[in-house]
N, C-alpha and C. Protein backbone atom coordinates (compact mmCIF):
# COMPACT_ATOMS: atom_id res chain seq x y z
N UNK A 1 33.74 18.62 -77.37
CA UNK A 1 32.57 19.97 -77.60
C UNK A 1 33.10 20.22 -79.26
N UNK A 2 33.48 19.55 -79.79
CA UNK A 2 34.41 19.92 -81.42
C UNK A 2 32.99 21.43 -82.21
N UNK A 3 33.56 21.76 -82.56
CA UNK A 3 32.23 22.52 -83.58
C UNK A 3 31.49 23.62 -82.63
N UNK A 4 31.51 23.67 -80.96
CA UNK A 4 30.90 23.99 -79.94
C UNK A 4 31.52 25.61 -80.39
N UNK A 5 30.75 27.01 -80.24
CA UNK A 5 31.06 28.42 -80.01
C UNK A 5 31.14 28.41 -78.20
N UNK A 6 31.32 29.52 -78.12
CA UNK A 6 31.38 30.07 -76.60
C UNK A 6 30.07 30.21 -76.70
N UNK A 7 29.57 31.14 -77.53
CA UNK A 7 28.45 32.10 -77.37
C UNK A 7 26.93 30.21 -76.85
N UNK A 8 27.74 29.49 -77.62
CA UNK A 8 26.65 28.16 -77.12
C UNK A 8 27.23 27.25 -76.34
N UNK A 9 28.14 27.48 -75.90
CA UNK A 9 28.27 26.48 -74.18
C UNK A 9 28.05 27.65 -73.11
N UNK A 10 27.16 28.78 -73.42
CA UNK A 10 27.35 30.12 -72.00
C UNK A 10 26.04 29.87 -72.26
N UNK A 11 24.90 29.35 -73.45
CA UNK A 11 23.93 29.27 -73.38
C UNK A 11 23.10 28.06 -73.06
N UNK A 12 24.34 27.08 -73.47
CA UNK A 12 24.42 25.39 -72.21
C UNK A 12 24.16 25.94 -71.02
N UNK A 13 25.23 26.09 -70.84
CA UNK A 13 25.19 26.42 -68.85
C UNK A 13 24.65 27.32 -68.69
N UNK A 14 23.56 28.48 -68.82
CA UNK A 14 22.80 28.37 -68.48
C UNK A 14 21.47 28.56 -68.71
N UNK A 15 21.67 27.17 -69.54
CA UNK A 15 19.87 26.49 -68.79
C UNK A 15 20.09 25.51 -67.91
N UNK A 16 21.46 25.03 -68.38
CA UNK A 16 21.29 24.17 -67.39
C UNK A 16 21.68 24.32 -65.69
N UNK A 17 21.94 26.01 -65.20
CA UNK A 17 22.28 26.05 -64.32
C UNK A 17 21.17 26.47 -63.89
N UNK A 18 20.08 27.28 -64.82
CA UNK A 18 18.87 27.91 -64.22
C UNK A 18 17.70 26.48 -63.95
N UNK A 19 18.13 25.51 -64.45
CA UNK A 19 17.07 24.20 -64.62
C UNK A 19 17.14 23.48 -63.43
N UNK A 20 18.42 23.95 -62.75
CA UNK A 20 19.44 23.30 -61.50
C UNK A 20 19.23 24.01 -60.19
N UNK A 21 18.77 25.43 -60.31
CA UNK A 21 18.50 25.70 -59.24
C UNK A 21 16.62 26.64 -59.35
N UNK A 22 16.22 26.23 -60.26
CA UNK A 22 14.69 25.45 -60.19
C UNK A 22 14.56 24.45 -59.86
N UNK A 23 14.84 23.55 -59.67
CA UNK A 23 14.80 21.82 -59.37
C UNK A 23 15.13 22.76 -57.40
N UNK A 24 15.82 22.58 -57.57
CA UNK A 24 16.68 22.73 -55.55
C UNK A 24 15.65 23.74 -55.36
N UNK A 25 15.36 24.63 -55.58
CA UNK A 25 14.35 25.43 -54.77
C UNK A 25 12.85 25.02 -54.62
N UNK A 26 12.97 24.07 -55.19
CA UNK A 26 11.42 23.29 -55.60
C UNK A 26 11.60 22.22 -54.09
N UNK A 27 13.00 22.16 -54.14
CA UNK A 27 13.65 20.64 -53.06
C UNK A 27 13.52 21.06 -51.63
N UNK A 28 13.89 22.57 -52.33
CA UNK A 28 13.75 22.88 -50.56
C UNK A 28 12.38 23.34 -50.01
N UNK A 29 11.36 23.50 -51.15
CA UNK A 29 10.50 23.90 -50.36
C UNK A 29 9.08 22.59 -49.83
N UNK A 30 9.61 21.68 -50.61
CA UNK A 30 9.34 20.59 -50.35
C UNK A 30 10.21 20.13 -48.69
N UNK A 31 11.09 20.17 -48.31
CA UNK A 31 12.05 20.11 -47.36
C UNK A 31 10.86 21.15 -46.42
N UNK A 32 11.01 21.88 -46.68
CA UNK A 32 10.14 22.79 -45.95
C UNK A 32 8.81 22.33 -45.28
N UNK A 33 8.09 22.45 -45.90
CA UNK A 33 7.00 21.67 -46.04
C UNK A 33 6.68 20.24 -44.98
N UNK A 34 8.09 19.56 -44.74
CA UNK A 34 7.74 18.55 -44.56
C UNK A 34 8.82 18.24 -42.82
N UNK A 35 9.15 19.78 -43.13
CA UNK A 35 10.22 19.46 -41.98
C UNK A 35 11.31 18.97 -41.46
N UNK A 36 12.04 18.96 -43.02
CA UNK A 36 13.42 17.81 -43.18
C UNK A 36 14.75 18.98 -43.07
N UNK A 37 15.92 18.24 -43.20
CA UNK A 37 17.00 19.36 -43.57
C UNK A 37 16.95 20.16 -44.35
N UNK A 38 17.12 21.25 -44.54
CA UNK A 38 16.98 22.23 -45.79
C UNK A 38 18.72 22.46 -46.35
N UNK A 39 17.77 23.34 -47.72
CA UNK A 39 19.56 23.83 -47.96
C UNK A 39 19.37 25.39 -47.64
N UNK A 40 21.03 25.98 -47.42
CA UNK A 40 20.66 26.78 -47.04
C UNK A 40 20.74 27.99 -47.83
N UNK A 41 20.65 29.04 -47.34
CA UNK A 41 19.74 30.49 -48.30
C UNK A 41 21.51 30.73 -48.39
N UNK A 42 22.61 30.15 -47.58
CA UNK A 42 23.56 31.39 -48.95
C UNK A 42 23.35 30.52 -50.05
N UNK A 43 23.33 28.68 -50.00
CA UNK A 43 23.41 27.98 -51.38
C UNK A 43 22.39 28.29 -52.34
N UNK A 44 20.99 28.70 -51.92
CA UNK A 44 20.27 29.09 -53.18
C UNK A 44 20.33 30.32 -53.63
N UNK A 45 21.61 31.82 -52.57
CA UNK A 45 21.60 32.63 -53.19
C UNK A 45 22.48 32.62 -54.27
N UNK A 46 23.44 32.04 -53.77
CA UNK A 46 25.34 31.10 -55.04
C UNK A 46 24.79 30.53 -55.79
N UNK A 47 23.77 29.66 -56.25
CA UNK A 47 22.79 29.16 -57.54
C UNK A 47 22.44 30.57 -58.29
N UNK A 48 21.71 31.26 -57.45
CA UNK A 48 21.34 32.67 -58.45
C UNK A 48 22.48 33.31 -59.24
N UNK A 49 23.69 33.67 -58.05
CA UNK A 49 24.91 34.59 -58.33
C UNK A 49 25.84 34.02 -59.43
N UNK A 50 25.69 32.71 -59.50
CA UNK A 50 26.77 31.47 -60.41
C UNK A 50 25.08 31.57 -61.87
N UNK A 51 24.48 32.47 -61.86
CA UNK A 51 24.35 32.41 -63.68
C UNK A 51 22.23 31.90 -63.25
N UNK A 52 22.28 31.11 -62.18
CA UNK A 52 20.39 30.64 -62.02
C UNK A 52 19.55 31.96 -61.51
N UNK A 53 19.97 32.68 -61.62
CA UNK A 53 19.06 33.89 -61.25
C UNK A 53 17.72 34.40 -61.78
N UNK A 54 17.35 33.39 -63.25
CA UNK A 54 15.69 32.99 -63.65
C UNK A 54 14.94 31.85 -63.03
N UNK A 55 16.05 31.04 -62.91
CA UNK A 55 15.54 29.99 -62.82
C UNK A 55 15.14 29.59 -60.80
N UNK A 56 16.02 30.64 -60.30
CA UNK A 56 15.21 30.63 -58.72
C UNK A 56 14.26 32.14 -58.73
N UNK A 57 14.01 32.79 -59.47
CA UNK A 57 13.36 33.63 -59.15
C UNK A 57 11.60 33.09 -60.18
N UNK A 58 12.09 32.25 -60.80
CA UNK A 58 10.84 31.47 -61.53
C UNK A 58 10.23 30.24 -59.82
N UNK A 59 11.76 29.95 -59.81
CA UNK A 59 11.31 28.83 -58.47
C UNK A 59 10.40 29.43 -57.34
N UNK A 60 10.53 30.96 -57.14
CA UNK A 60 10.51 31.76 -56.37
C UNK A 60 8.77 32.00 -56.48
N UNK A 61 8.58 32.63 -57.63
CA UNK A 61 7.46 32.58 -57.63
C UNK A 61 5.92 30.89 -57.82
N UNK A 62 6.55 30.10 -58.77
CA UNK A 62 5.74 28.58 -59.06
C UNK A 62 5.86 28.14 -57.99
N UNK A 63 7.07 27.67 -56.95
CA UNK A 63 7.06 27.28 -55.35
C UNK A 63 6.45 27.94 -54.47
N UNK A 64 6.39 29.56 -55.04
CA UNK A 64 6.01 29.82 -53.68
C UNK A 64 6.64 30.11 -52.05
N UNK A 65 8.18 30.28 -52.48
CA UNK A 65 9.10 29.87 -51.81
C UNK A 65 10.41 31.21 -51.07
N UNK A 66 10.02 30.94 -50.34
CA UNK A 66 11.13 32.73 -49.94
C UNK A 66 10.74 33.80 -50.70
N UNK A 67 9.75 34.03 -50.82
CA UNK A 67 9.13 34.99 -51.20
C UNK A 67 8.90 36.65 -50.52
N UNK A 68 8.63 35.97 -49.39
CA UNK A 68 8.88 36.93 -47.89
C UNK A 68 10.16 37.46 -47.29
N UNK A 69 11.05 36.70 -47.50
CA UNK A 69 12.66 37.12 -47.53
C UNK A 69 13.06 38.00 -47.99
N UNK A 70 13.38 39.59 -47.27
CA UNK A 70 14.10 40.54 -48.37
C UNK A 70 15.00 40.09 -48.72
N UNK A 71 16.43 38.64 -48.09
CA UNK A 71 17.27 38.69 -49.42
C UNK A 71 17.38 38.39 -51.04
N UNK A 72 15.66 37.55 -50.73
CA UNK A 72 15.46 36.89 -51.99
C UNK A 72 14.23 37.70 -52.94
N UNK A 73 13.64 38.34 -51.82
CA UNK A 73 12.82 39.15 -52.38
C UNK A 73 13.11 40.74 -53.33
N UNK A 74 13.93 40.74 -52.96
CA UNK A 74 15.27 42.32 -52.96
C UNK A 74 16.62 41.22 -53.86
N UNK A 75 16.88 40.63 -53.38
CA UNK A 75 18.87 40.52 -53.74
C UNK A 75 18.18 39.12 -55.24
N UNK A 76 16.71 38.44 -55.86
CA UNK A 76 17.04 37.75 -56.56
C UNK A 76 17.01 38.96 -57.94
N UNK A 77 15.98 39.45 -57.66
CA UNK A 77 16.20 40.90 -58.45
C UNK A 77 17.48 41.06 -59.30
N UNK A 78 17.17 41.90 -58.13
CA UNK A 78 18.89 43.16 -58.32
C UNK A 78 19.83 41.75 -58.88
N UNK A 79 20.10 40.83 -58.88
CA UNK A 79 20.93 39.77 -58.77
C UNK A 79 20.90 39.69 -61.00
N UNK A 80 19.63 38.95 -61.11
CA UNK A 80 19.27 39.42 -62.38
C UNK A 80 19.35 40.34 -62.77
N UNK A 81 18.84 41.68 -62.44
CA UNK A 81 19.40 42.86 -63.34
C UNK A 81 21.11 42.75 -63.70
N UNK A 82 21.41 42.66 -62.52
CA UNK A 82 22.91 43.06 -62.96
C UNK A 82 23.79 41.50 -63.67
N UNK A 83 23.48 40.80 -63.64
CA UNK A 83 22.88 39.64 -65.23
C UNK A 83 22.83 39.90 -66.55
N UNK A 84 21.85 40.49 -66.28
CA UNK A 84 21.40 41.26 -68.12
C UNK A 84 21.88 42.79 -68.19
N UNK A 85 22.56 43.54 -67.38
CA UNK A 85 22.94 44.42 -67.65
C UNK A 85 24.41 43.80 -68.60
N UNK A 86 25.00 42.54 -67.07
CA UNK A 86 26.13 41.94 -68.36
C UNK A 86 26.53 41.51 -69.12
N UNK A 87 25.57 40.60 -69.32
CA UNK A 87 25.10 40.13 -70.23
C UNK A 87 25.02 41.29 -71.70
N UNK A 88 24.19 42.30 -71.88
CA UNK A 88 24.33 43.31 -73.27
C UNK A 88 25.23 43.83 -73.09
N UNK A 89 26.23 43.95 -71.68
CA UNK A 89 27.16 44.60 -72.17
C UNK A 89 28.48 44.34 -72.75
N UNK A 90 28.56 42.42 -72.63
CA UNK A 90 29.26 41.39 -73.17
C UNK A 90 29.05 41.36 -74.70
N UNK A 91 27.93 41.28 -74.88
CA UNK A 91 27.13 41.16 -75.98
C UNK A 91 27.82 42.50 -77.07
N UNK A 92 27.51 43.37 -76.53
CA UNK A 92 27.76 44.99 -77.25
C UNK A 92 29.44 44.92 -77.46
N UNK A 93 30.04 44.43 -76.73
CA UNK A 93 31.88 44.83 -76.77
C UNK A 93 32.57 43.68 -76.93
N UNK A 94 32.04 42.18 -77.08
CA UNK A 94 32.44 41.26 -77.93
C UNK A 94 32.63 40.80 -79.12
């Protein structure tokens, strides 16, 4: 990773975690339709907390998944807003 700045590492991480989160939400929706073993809600929420909140929100919209569950309906946007505020704070203070 020679020459990679902290900023570019963070961007790569966020792109990766959001792509993974989006895909995992799609897989869970597929499993729900096929009545197969599911991905836990805790895992889905953890992915959002770890930086995948955009991927989770887009996954909910695209896959029409978890949209009626209050934990997700209100939790994912709350996590996203907290992460945006944190990023803004860090951007202004670093």
